[in-house]
Amino acid sequence: MADRRAENALKTLHEVVWYSLDFGHGAEYPAIRDDLAGMDMDEPQAERLRRLDELAIDYILTADLDDIWPGLLEDHPDRPIERWWWHLGAIRRGRYPIETLPEHLQRAIREASA
């Protein structure tokens, strides 16, 4: 059974990805995404999360640097590499080992780089 907290966190993440990032905000993005990593989700929730992840990656790779909140691009070497949302700067600079990412995010990076 899905964690009820996951639904609320997904709604918050949706708002951050769709609204805050585009306005140069989104400081809360990594922490919200980190919380979601530990929650049980049903398949529709997991699919929503995958889509939000793809949108966030696309934004990080394609937005003008001036439009991205600088804190999002600060890497956190104290965080595990598998928690890619703490390493968005490395992803943008092409210095993140994309083979550690889920396939759908590897594909999103390849598409954004094409």
Protein backbone atom coordinates (compact mmCIF):
# COMPACT_ATOMS: atom_id res chain seq x y z
CA MET A 1 0.00 0.00 0.00
CA ALA A 2 1.25 3.46 -0.86
CA ASP A 3 2.50 5.76 1.85
CA ARG A 4 -0.11 8.52 2.30
CA ARG A 5 2.72 10.98 2.89
CA ALA A 6 3.94 10.20 -0.61
CA GLU A 7 0.84 11.75 -2.16
CA ASN A 8 1.37 15.02 -0.29
CA ALA A 9 5.08 15.06 -1.08
CA LEU A 10 4.37 14.38 -4.76
CA LYS A 11 1.96 17.32 -4.86
CA THR A 12 4.59 19.56 -3.31
CA LEU A 13 7.26 18.30 -5.70
CA HIS A 14 4.89 18.89 -8.62
CA GLU A 15 4.47 22.52 -7.56
CA VAL A 16 8.22 22.99 -7.16
CA VAL A 17 9.04 21.45 -10.54
CA TRP A 18 6.27 23.19 -12.48
CA TYR A 19 6.32 26.59 -10.78
CA SER A 20 9.31 27.28 -8.54
CA LEU A 21 12.08 26.08 -10.84
CA ASP A 22 10.88 28.24 -13.71
CA PHE A 23 11.05 31.32 -11.51
CA GLY A 24 14.60 30.74 -10.32
CA HIS A 25 13.57 29.18 -7.04
CA GLY A 26 13.39 25.59 -5.91
CA ALA A 27 15.72 25.53 -2.91
CA GLU A 28 13.48 22.87 -1.38
CA TYR A 29 13.69 20.52 -4.37
CA PRO A 30 16.53 18.22 -3.18
CA ALA A 31 15.09 17.80 0.32
CA ILE A 32 11.59 16.98 -0.96
CA ARG A 33 13.02 14.55 -3.51
CA ASP A 34 15.15 12.96 -0.77
CA ASP A 35 12.06 12.44 1.40
CA LEU A 36 10.25 10.78 -1.49
CA ALA A 37 13.12 8.34 -2.01
CA GLY A 38 12.22 6.64 1.25
CA MET A 39 8.48 6.44 0.78
CA ASP A 40 6.38 3.54 -0.42
CA MET A 41 4.44 4.38 -3.58
CA ASP A 42 1.95 2.62 -5.75
CA GLU A 43 2.70 2.40 -9.48
CA PRO A 44 0.76 5.54 -10.51
CA GLN A 45 2.64 7.55 -7.88
CA ALA A 46 5.97 6.05 -8.96
CA GLU A 47 5.19 6.98 -12.57
CA ARG A 48 4.38 10.57 -11.54
CA LEU A 49 7.69 10.73 -9.70
CA ARG A 50 9.57 9.42 -12.75
CA ARG A 51 7.94 12.10 -14.91
CA LEU A 52 8.74 14.86 -12.41
CA ASP A 53 12.33 13.62 -12.27
CA GLU A 54 12.55 13.83 -16.07
CA LEU A 55 11.15 17.35 -16.06
CA ALA A 56 13.60 18.47 -13.37
CA ILE A 57 16.56 16.99 -15.26
CA ASP A 58 15.40 18.60 -18.50
CA TYR A 59 15.11 21.95 -16.74
CA ILE A 60 18.57 21.69 -15.17
CA LEU A 61 20.13 20.83 -18.53
CA THR A 62 18.29 23.28 -20.77
CA ALA A 63 17.43 26.38 -18.73
CA ASP A 64 19.62 29.45 -19.01
CA LEU A 65 22.12 29.46 -16.17
CA ASP A 66 20.80 32.84 -15.00
CA ASP A 67 17.33 31.31 -14.57
CA ILE A 68 18.44 28.52 -12.22
CA TRP A 69 18.65 29.15 -8.50
CA PRO A 70 22.42 28.86 -7.85
CA GLY A 71 21.92 26.65 -4.81
CA LEU A 72 20.48 23.90 -7.01
CA LEU A 73 23.79 23.63 -8.81
CA GLU A 74 25.83 23.27 -5.63
CA ASP A 75 26.96 19.69 -5.31
CA HIS A 76 26.85 17.86 -2.01
CA PRO A 77 29.76 15.43 -1.82
CA ASP A 78 28.47 14.29 1.57
CA ARG A 79 25.40 12.82 -0.15
CA PRO A 80 25.42 9.42 -1.89
CA ILE A 81 25.98 9.59 -5.65
CA GLU A 82 22.82 7.51 -6.17
CA ARG A 83 20.82 10.42 -4.78
CA TRP A 84 21.35 12.40 -7.96
CA TRP A 85 19.10 15.28 -6.88
CA TRP A 86 21.94 16.43 -4.59
CA HIS A 87 24.32 16.53 -7.59
CA LEU A 88 22.44 18.66 -10.12
CA GLY A 89 25.46 20.87 -10.77
CA ALA A 90 27.55 17.85 -11.77
CA ILE A 91 24.72 16.66 -14.00
CA ARG A 92 24.56 20.05 -15.72
CA ARG A 93 28.34 20.16 -16.17
CA GLY A 94 28.37 16.63 -17.60
CA ARG A 95 30.48 15.35 -14.72
CA TYR A 96 27.96 13.00 -13.15
CA PRO A 97 28.28 9.27 -13.86
CA ILE A 98 24.99 8.91 -15.73
CA GLU A 99 25.27 5.12 -15.70
CA THR A 100 24.25 5.32 -12.02
CA LEU A 101 20.93 6.91 -12.98
CA PRO A 102 17.72 5.04 -13.74
CA GLU A 103 17.33 4.36 -17.45
CA HIS A 104 14.56 6.94 -17.93
CA LEU A 105 16.87 9.69 -16.64
CA GLN A 106 19.79 8.50 -18.74
CA ARG A 107 17.47 8.78 -21.73
CA ALA A 108 16.33 12.28 -20.64
CA ILE A 109 19.96 13.41 -20.44
CA ARG A 110 20.81 11.99 -23.84
CA GLU A 111 17.74 13.69 -25.37
CA ALA A 112 18.53 17.04 -23.74
CA SER A 113 22.12 16.83 -24.97
CA ALA A 114 21.15 16.03 -28.57
